[in-house]
Amino acid sequence: SPPSLKFEFNCPNRGLISGMGIPAGITLIVGGGY
């Protein structure tokens, strides 16, 4: 995850997990082909 979109959750079994949260609203996913 990019730092600005990183969220952390403490799951019931595996414990701490981090990753990218996509917020509500309009989100674009851009980039080159492939």
PDB file of all heavy atoms in Angstrom:
ATOM      1  N   SER A   1       0.825  -1.205   0.000  1.00  0.00           N
ATOM      2  CA  SER A   1       0.000   0.000   0.000  1.00  0.00           C
ATOM      3  C   SER A   1       0.858   1.254   0.000  1.00  0.00           C
ATOM      4  O   SER A   1       1.899   1.299   0.660  1.00  0.00           O
ATOM      5  CB  SER A   1      -0.894   0.008   1.242  1.00  0.00           C
ATOM      6  OG  SER A   1      -1.564   1.258   1.376  1.00  0.00           O
ATOM      7  N   PRO A   2       0.433   2.289  -0.722  1.00  0.00           N
ATOM      8  CA  PRO A   2       1.085   3.599  -0.547  1.00  0.00           C
ATOM      9  C   PRO A   2       0.809   4.113   0.856  1.00  0.00           C
ATOM     10  O   PRO A   2      -0.280   3.881   1.406  1.00  0.00           O
ATOM     11  CB  PRO A   2       0.423   4.467  -1.623  1.00  0.00           C
ATOM     12  CG  PRO A   2      -0.872   3.796  -1.929  1.00  0.00           C
ATOM     13  CD  PRO A   2      -0.661   2.332  -1.713  1.00  0.00           C
ATOM     14  N   PRO A   3       1.767   4.796   1.461  1.00  0.00           N
ATOM     15  CA  PRO A   3       1.604   5.241   2.854  1.00  0.00           C
ATOM     16  C   PRO A   3       0.344   6.061   3.105  1.00  0.00           C
ATOM     17  O   PRO A   3      -0.291   5.924   4.156  1.00  0.00           O
ATOM     18  CB  PRO A   3       2.870   6.075   3.103  1.00  0.00           C
ATOM     19  CG  PRO A   3       3.883   5.524   2.141  1.00  0.00           C
ATOM     20  CD  PRO A   3       3.103   5.138   0.915  1.00  0.00           C
ATOM     21  N   SER A   4      -0.032   6.907   2.155  1.00  0.00           N
ATOM     22  CA  SER A   4      -1.166   7.808   2.378  1.00  0.00           C
ATOM     23  C   SER A   4      -2.506   7.078   2.405  1.00  0.00           C
ATOM     24  O   SER A   4      -3.500   7.620   2.893  1.00  0.00           O
ATOM     25  CB  SER A   4      -1.197   8.881   1.285  1.00  0.00           C
ATOM     26  OG  SER A   4      -1.254   8.277  -0.001  1.00  0.00           O
ATOM     27  N   LEU A   5      -2.555   5.872   1.878  1.00  0.00           N
ATOM     28  CA  LEU A   5      -3.804   5.103   1.859  1.00  0.00           C
ATOM     29  C   LEU A   5      -3.737   3.885   2.773  1.00  0.00           C
ATOM     30  O   LEU A   5      -4.631   3.035   2.734  1.00  0.00           O
ATOM     31  CB  LEU A   5      -4.134   4.663   0.431  1.00  0.00           C
ATOM     32  CG  LEU A   5      -4.435   5.770  -0.576  1.00  0.00           C
ATOM     33  CD1 LEU A   5      -4.637   5.198  -1.971  1.00  0.00           C
ATOM     34  CD2 LEU A   5      -5.668   6.575  -0.151  1.00  0.00           C
ATOM     35  N   LYS A   6      -2.699   3.803   3.578  1.00  0.00           N
ATOM     36  CA  LYS A   6      -2.508   2.620   4.420  1.00  0.00           C
ATOM     37  C   LYS A   6      -3.452   2.633   5.617  1.00  0.00           C
ATOM     38  O   LYS A   6      -3.600   3.637   6.309  1.00  0.00           O
ATOM     39  CB  LYS A   6      -1.064   2.529   4.903  1.00  0.00           C
ATOM     40  CG  LYS A   6      -0.739   1.203   5.622  1.00  0.00           C
ATOM     41  CD  LYS A   6       0.710   1.140   6.062  1.00  0.00           C
ATOM     42  CE  LYS A   6       1.661   0.975   4.887  1.00  0.00           C
ATOM     43  NZ  LYS A   6       1.552  -0.366   4.280  1.00  0.00           N
ATOM     44  N   PHE A   7      -4.089   1.481   5.824  1.00  0.00           N
ATOM     45  CA  PHE A   7      -4.938   1.257   6.987  1.00  0.00           C
ATOM     46  C   PHE A   7      -4.428   0.013   7.708  1.00  0.00           C
ATOM     47  O   PHE A   7      -3.877  -0.888   7.083  1.00  0.00           O
ATOM     48  CB  PHE A   7      -6.399   1.041   6.580  1.00  0.00           C
ATOM     49  CG  PHE A   7      -7.151   2.306   6.297  1.00  0.00           C
ATOM     50  CD1 PHE A   7      -6.922   3.020   5.120  1.00  0.00           C
ATOM     51  CD2 PHE A   7      -8.101   2.786   7.180  1.00  0.00           C
ATOM     52  CE1 PHE A   7      -7.620   4.188   4.843  1.00  0.00           C
ATOM     53  CE2 PHE A   7      -8.804   3.949   6.920  1.00  0.00           C
ATOM     54  CZ  PHE A   7      -8.563   4.651   5.757  1.00  0.00           C
ATOM     55  N   GLU A   8      -4.655  -0.034   9.006  1.00  0.00           N
ATOM     56  CA  GLU A   8      -4.290  -1.205   9.788  1.00  0.00           C
ATOM     57  C   GLU A   8      -5.508  -1.700  10.559  1.00  0.00           C
ATOM     58  O   GLU A   8      -6.299  -0.900  11.072  1.00  0.00           O
ATOM     59  CB  GLU A   8      -3.154  -0.887  10.760  1.00  0.00           C
ATOM     60  CG  GLU A   8      -1.817  -0.633  10.080  1.00  0.00           C
ATOM     61  CD  GLU A   8      -0.690  -0.447  11.086  1.00  0.00           C
ATOM     62  OE1 GLU A   8      -0.993  -0.147  12.265  1.00  0.00           O
ATOM     63  OE2 GLU A   8       0.483  -0.613  10.693  1.00  0.00           O
ATOM     64  N   PHE A   9      -5.664  -3.018  10.602  1.00  0.00           N
ATOM     65  CA  PHE A   9      -6.766  -3.636  11.330  1.00  0.00           C
ATOM     66  C   PHE A   9      -6.209  -4.779  12.181  1.00  0.00           C
ATOM     67  O   PHE A   9      -5.249  -5.444  11.784  1.00  0.00           O
ATOM     68  CB  PHE A   9      -7.818  -4.181  10.369  1.00  0.00           C
ATOM     69  CG  PHE A   9      -8.499  -3.130   9.539  1.00  0.00           C
ATOM     70  CD1 PHE A   9      -8.084  -2.882   8.237  1.00  0.00           C
ATOM     71  CD2 PHE A   9      -9.539  -2.391  10.065  1.00  0.00           C
ATOM     72  CE1 PHE A   9      -8.702  -1.911   7.456  1.00  0.00           C
ATOM     73  CE2 PHE A   9     -10.173  -1.418   9.292  1.00  0.00           C
ATOM     74  CZ  PHE A   9      -9.750  -1.176   7.996  1.00  0.00           C
ATOM     75  N   ASN A  10      -6.837  -5.000  13.304  1.00  0.00           N
ATOM     76  CA  ASN A  10      -6.441  -6.091  14.190  1.00  0.00           C
ATOM     77  C   ASN A  10      -7.470  -7.210  14.066  1.00  0.00           C
ATOM     78  O   ASN A  10      -8.506  -7.196  14.729  1.00  0.00           O
ATOM     79  CB  ASN A  10      -6.339  -5.593  15.634  1.00  0.00           C
ATOM     80  CG  ASN A  10      -5.625  -6.574  16.533  1.00  0.00           C
ATOM     81  OD1 ASN A  10      -4.943  -7.484  16.068  1.00  0.00           O
ATOM     82  ND2 ASN A  10      -5.777  -6.399  17.828  1.00  0.00           N
ATOM     83  N   CYS A  11      -7.184  -8.167  13.193  1.00  0.00           N
ATOM     84  CA  CYS A  11      -8.135  -9.239  12.877  1.00  0.00           C
ATOM     85  C   CYS A  11      -8.298 -10.194  14.058  1.00  0.00           C
ATOM     86  O   CYS A  11      -7.385 -10.363  14.868  1.00  0.00           O
ATOM     87  CB  CYS A  11      -7.670 -10.006  11.647  1.00  0.00           C
ATOM     88  SG  CYS A  11      -7.616  -9.033  10.140  1.00  0.00           S
ATOM     89  N   PRO A  12      -9.437 -10.883  14.144  1.00  0.00           N
ATOM     90  CA  PRO A  12      -9.688 -11.785  15.276  1.00  0.00           C
ATOM     91  C   PRO A  12      -8.669 -12.913  15.401  1.00  0.00           C
ATOM     92  O   PRO A  12      -8.380 -13.357  16.518  1.00  0.00           O
ATOM     93  CB  PRO A  12     -11.083 -12.343  14.971  1.00  0.00           C
ATOM     94  CG  PRO A  12     -11.717 -11.348  14.068  1.00  0.00           C
ATOM     95  CD  PRO A  12     -10.607 -10.754  13.266  1.00  0.00           C
ATOM     96  N   ASN A  13      -8.120 -13.384  14.280  1.00  0.00           N
ATOM     97  CA  ASN A  13      -7.247 -14.556  14.321  1.00  0.00           C
ATOM     98  C   ASN A  13      -5.797 -14.245  13.973  1.00  0.00           C
ATOM     99  O   ASN A  13      -4.889 -14.567  14.725  1.00  0.00           O
ATOM    100  CB  ASN A  13      -7.785 -15.639  13.382  1.00  0.00           C
ATOM    101  CG  ASN A  13      -9.190 -16.073  13.748  1.00  0.00           C
ATOM    102  OD1 ASN A  13      -9.426 -16.606  14.825  1.00  0.00           O
ATOM    103  ND2 ASN A  13     -10.148 -15.813  12.874  1.00  0.00           N
ATOM    104  N   ARG A  14      -5.577 -13.599  12.837  1.00  0.00           N
ATOM    105  CA  ARG A  14      -4.211 -13.357  12.400  1.00  0.00           C
ATOM    106  C   ARG A  14      -3.594 -12.119  13.043  1.00  0.00           C
ATOM    107  O   ARG A  14      -2.399 -11.881  12.928  1.00  0.00           O
ATOM    108  CB  ARG A  14      -4.120 -13.257  10.881  1.00  0.00           C
ATOM    109  CG  ARG A  14      -4.778 -12.038  10.264  1.00  0.00           C
ATOM    110  CD  ARG A  14      -4.536 -11.981   8.769  1.00  0.00           C
ATOM    111  NE  ARG A  14      -3.190 -11.571   8.454  1.00  0.00           N
ATOM    112  CZ  ARG A  14      -2.371 -12.227   7.638  1.00  0.00           C
ATOM    113  NH1 ARG A  14      -2.759 -13.359   7.092  1.00  0.00           N
ATOM    114  NH2 ARG A  14      -1.168 -11.766   7.380  1.00  0.00           N
ATOM    115  N   GLY A  15      -4.411 -11.319  13.722  1.00  0.00           N
ATOM    116  CA  GLY A  15      -3.894 -10.137  14.381  1.00  0.00           C
ATOM    117  C   GLY A  15      -3.747  -8.967  13.426  1.00  0.00           C
ATOM    118  O   GLY A  15      -4.564  -8.775  12.523  1.00  0.00           O
ATOM    119  N   LEU A  16      -2.666  -8.197  13.579  1.00  0.00           N
ATOM    120  CA  LEU A  16      -2.502  -6.955  12.833  1.00  0.00           C
ATOM    121  C   LEU A  16      -2.290  -7.224  11.345  1.00  0.00           C
ATOM    122  O   LEU A  16      -1.480  -8.058  10.958  1.00  0.00           O
ATOM    123  CB  LEU A  16      -1.309  -6.176  13.387  1.00  0.00           C
ATOM    124  CG  LEU A  16      -1.176  -4.725  12.898  1.00  0.00           C
ATOM    125  CD1 LEU A  16      -2.344  -3.883  13.401  1.00  0.00           C
ATOM    126  CD2 LEU A  16       0.153  -4.140  13.377  1.00  0.00           C
ATOM    127  N   ILE A  17      -3.049  -6.494  10.536  1.00  0.00           N
ATOM    128  CA  ILE A  17      -2.912  -6.580   9.089  1.00  0.00           C
ATOM    129  C   ILE A  17      -2.972  -5.156   8.533  1.00  0.00           C
ATOM    130  O   ILE A  17      -3.761  -4.333   8.994  1.00  0.00           O
ATOM    131  CB  ILE A  17      -4.016  -7.468   8.460  1.00  0.00           C
ATOM    132  CG1 ILE A  17      -3.761  -7.691   6.972  1.00  0.00           C
ATOM    133  CG2 ILE A  17      -5.401  -6.897   8.702  1.00  0.00           C
ATOM    134  CD1 ILE A  17      -4.691  -8.725   6.357  1.00  0.00           C
ATOM    135  N   SER A  18      -2.104  -4.863   7.567  1.00  0.00           N
ATOM    136  CA  SER A  18      -2.086  -3.540   6.948  1.00  0.00           C
ATOM    137  C   SER A  18      -2.368  -3.683   5.465  1.00  0.00           C
ATOM    138  O   SER A  18      -2.208  -4.756   4.874  1.00  0.00           O
ATOM    139  CB  SER A  18      -0.726  -2.876   7.155  1.00  0.00           C
ATOM    140  OG  SER A  18       0.298  -3.599   6.493  1.00  0.00           O
ATOM    141  N   GLY A  19      -2.782  -2.584   4.855  1.00  0.00           N
ATOM    142  CA  GLY A  19      -3.047  -2.613   3.428  1.00  0.00           C
ATOM    143  C   GLY A  19      -3.645  -1.309   2.948  1.00  0.00           C
ATOM    144  O   GLY A  19      -3.786  -0.347   3.715  1.00  0.00           O
ATOM    145  N   MET A  20      -4.008  -1.280   1.693  1.00  0.00           N
ATOM    146  CA  MET A  20      -4.556  -0.077   1.071  1.00  0.00           C
ATOM    147  C   MET A  20      -6.069  -0.034   1.232  1.00  0.00           C
ATOM    148  O   MET A  20      -6.775  -0.957   0.816  1.00  0.00           O
ATOM    149  CB  MET A  20      -4.200  -0.049  -0.417  1.00  0.00           C
ATOM    150  CG  MET A  20      -4.733   1.188  -1.147  1.00  0.00           C
ATOM    151  SD  MET A  20      -4.208   1.255  -2.887  1.00  0.00           S
ATOM    152  CE  MET A  20      -5.233  -0.050  -3.603  1.00  0.00           C
ATOM    153  N   GLY A  21      -6.538   1.051   1.817  1.00  0.00           N
ATOM    154  CA  GLY A  21      -7.969   1.281   1.899  1.00  0.00           C
ATOM    155  C   GLY A  21      -8.410   2.211   0.787  1.00  0.00           C
ATOM    156  O   GLY A  21      -7.803   3.270   0.574  1.00  0.00           O
ATOM    157  N   ILE A  22      -9.436   1.820   0.039  1.00  0.00           N
ATOM    158  CA  ILE A  22      -9.988   2.679  -1.009  1.00  0.00           C
ATOM    159  C   ILE A  22     -11.198   3.391  -0.442  1.00  0.00           C
ATOM    160  O   ILE A  22     -12.189   2.753  -0.073  1.00  0.00           O
ATOM    161  CB  ILE A  22     -10.361   1.865  -2.255  1.00  0.00           C
ATOM    162  CG1 ILE A  22      -9.107   1.223  -2.854  1.00  0.00           C
ATOM    163  CG2 ILE A  22     -11.055   2.746  -3.293  1.00  0.00           C
ATOM    164  CD1 ILE A  22      -9.358   0.408  -4.100  1.00  0.00           C
ATOM    165  N   PRO A  23     -11.144   4.726  -0.325  1.00  0.00           N
ATOM    166  CA  PRO A  23     -12.223   5.457   0.342  1.00  0.00           C
ATOM    167  C   PRO A  23     -13.476   5.560  -0.524  1.00  0.00           C
ATOM    168  O   PRO A  23     -13.438   5.396  -1.750  1.00  0.00           O
ATOM    169  CB  PRO A  23     -11.604   6.838   0.577  1.00  0.00           C
ATOM    170  CG  PRO A  23     -10.549   6.973  -0.473  1.00  0.00           C
ATOM    171  CD  PRO A  23     -10.021   5.596  -0.719  1.00  0.00           C
ATOM    172  N   ALA A  24     -14.583   5.832   0.141  1.00  0.00           N
ATOM    173  CA  ALA A  24     -15.828   6.102  -0.572  1.00  0.00           C
ATOM    174  C   ALA A  24     -15.638   7.322  -1.459  1.00  0.00           C
ATOM    175  O   ALA A  24     -14.823   8.196  -1.192  1.00  0.00           O
ATOM    176  CB  ALA A  24     -16.954   6.328   0.433  1.00  0.00           C
ATOM    177  N   GLY A  25     -16.405   7.371  -2.528  1.00  0.00           N
ATOM    178  CA  GLY A  25     -16.297   8.466  -3.485  1.00  0.00           C
ATOM    179  C   GLY A  25     -15.948   7.936  -4.858  1.00  0.00           C
ATOM    180  O   GLY A  25     -16.285   6.807  -5.205  1.00  0.00           O
ATOM    181  N   ILE A  26     -15.274   8.743  -5.634  1.00  0.00           N
ATOM    182  CA  ILE A  26     -14.882   8.359  -6.990  1.00  0.00           C
ATOM    183  C   ILE A  26     -13.378   8.121  -6.995  1.00  0.00           C
ATOM    184  O   ILE A  26     -12.604   9.022  -6.674  1.00  0.00           O
ATOM    185  CB  ILE A  26     -15.267   9.432  -8.028  1.00  0.00           C
ATOM    186  CG1 ILE A  26     -16.789   9.536  -8.146  1.00  0.00           C
ATOM    187  CG2 ILE A  26     -14.684   9.086  -9.395  1.00  0.00           C
ATOM    188  CD1 ILE A  26     -17.428  10.475  -7.190  1.00  0.00           C
ATOM    189  N   THR A  27     -13.002   6.903  -7.316  1.00  0.00           N
ATOM    190  CA  THR A  27     -11.591   6.506  -7.328  1.00  0.00           C
ATOM    191  C   THR A  27     -11.186   6.106  -8.735  1.00  0.00           C
ATOM    192  O   THR A  27     -11.874   5.299  -9.382  1.00  0.00           O
ATOM    193  CB  THR A  27     -11.341   5.331  -6.376  1.00  0.00           C
ATOM    194  OG1 THR A  27     -11.657   5.734  -5.042  1.00  0.00           O
ATOM    195  CG2 THR A  27      -9.888   4.872  -6.430  1.00  0.00           C
ATOM    196  N   LEU A  28     -10.080   6.671  -9.211  1.00  0.00           N
ATOM    197  CA  LEU A  28      -9.503   6.266 -10.490  1.00  0.00           C
ATOM    198  C   LEU A  28      -8.313   5.362 -10.232  1.00  0.00           C
ATOM    199  O   LEU A  28      -7.498   5.627  -9.345  1.00  0.00           O
ATOM    200  CB  LEU A  28      -9.027   7.478 -11.291  1.00  0.00           C
ATOM    201  CG  LEU A  28     -10.024   8.522 -11.737  1.00  0.00           C
ATOM    202  CD1 LEU A  28      -9.336   9.511 -12.682  1.00  0.00           C
ATOM    203  CD2 LEU A  28     -11.233   7.909 -12.393  1.00  0.00           C
ATOM    204  N   ILE A  29      -8.201   4.302 -11.039  1.00  0.00           N
ATOM    205  CA  ILE A  29      -7.000   3.470 -11.070  1.00  0.00           C
ATOM    206  C   ILE A  29      -6.364   3.705 -12.434  1.00  0.00           C
ATOM    207  O   ILE A  29      -6.945   3.373 -13.471  1.00  0.00           O
ATOM    208  CB  ILE A  29      -7.333   1.982 -10.867  1.00  0.00           C
ATOM    209  CG1 ILE A  29      -8.059   1.777  -9.534  1.00  0.00           C
ATOM    210  CG2 ILE A  29      -6.059   1.139 -10.917  1.00  0.00           C
ATOM    211  CD1 ILE A  29      -8.550   0.355  -9.324  1.00  0.00           C
ATOM    212  N   VAL A  30      -5.189   4.324 -12.441  1.00  0.00           N
ATOM    213  CA  VAL A  30      -4.535   4.709 -13.688  1.00  0.00           C
ATOM    214  C   VAL A  30      -3.192   3.993 -13.796  1.00  0.00           C
ATOM    215  O   VAL A  30      -2.752   3.305 -12.879  1.00  0.00           O
ATOM    216  CB  VAL A  30      -4.339   6.243 -13.760  1.00  0.00           C
ATOM    217  CG1 VAL A  30      -5.673   6.960 -13.646  1.00  0.00           C
ATOM    218  CG2 VAL A  30      -3.396   6.714 -12.650  1.00  0.00           C
ATOM    219  N   GLY A  31      -2.522   4.176 -14.937  1.00  0.00           N
ATOM    220  CA  GLY A  31      -1.206   3.575 -15.136  1.00  0.00           C
ATOM    221  C   GLY A  31      -1.037   3.089 -16.557  1.00  0.00           C
ATOM    222  O   GLY A  31      -1.987   3.064 -17.357  1.00  0.00           O
ATOM    223  N   GLY A  32       0.160   2.696 -16.876  1.00  0.00           N
ATOM    224  CA  GLY A  32       0.445   2.195 -18.212  1.00  0.00           C
ATOM    225  C   GLY A  32      -0.142   0.821 -18.439  1.00  0.00           C
ATOM    226  O   GLY A  32      -0.560   0.128 -17.506  1.00  0.00           O
ATOM    227  N   GLY A  33      -0.169   0.418 -19.709  1.00  0.00           N
ATOM    228  CA  GLY A  33      -0.684  -0.901 -20.056  1.00  0.00           C
ATOM    229  C   GLY A  33       0.149  -2.002 -19.429  1.00  0.00           C
ATOM    230  O   GLY A  33       1.369  -1.889 -19.328  1.00  0.00           O
ATOM    231  N   TYR A  34      -0.533  -3.073 -18.976  1.00  0.00           N
ATOM    232  CA  TYR A  34       0.111  -4.275 -18.413  1.00  0.00           C
ATOM    233  C   TYR A  34       0.800  -4.021 -17.074  1.00  0.00           C
ATOM    234  O   TYR A  34       1.657  -4.801 -16.675  1.00  0.00           O
ATOM    235  CB  TYR A  34       1.110  -4.875 -19.408  1.00  0.00           C
ATOM    236  CG  TYR A  34       0.516  -5.161 -20.759  1.00  0.00           C
ATOM    237  CD1 TYR A  34       0.710  -4.287 -21.821  1.00  0.00           C
ATOM    238  CD2 TYR A  34      -0.286  -6.280 -20.956  1.00  0.00           C
ATOM    239  CE1 TYR A  34       0.147  -4.528 -23.060  1.00  0.00           C
ATOM    240  CE2 TYR A  34      -0.866  -6.529 -22.193  1.00  0.00           C
ATOM    241  CZ  TYR A  34      -0.643  -5.657 -23.238  1.00  0.00           C
ATOM    242  OH  TYR A  34      -1.210  -5.899 -24.479  1.00  0.00           O
TER     243      TYR A  34
END
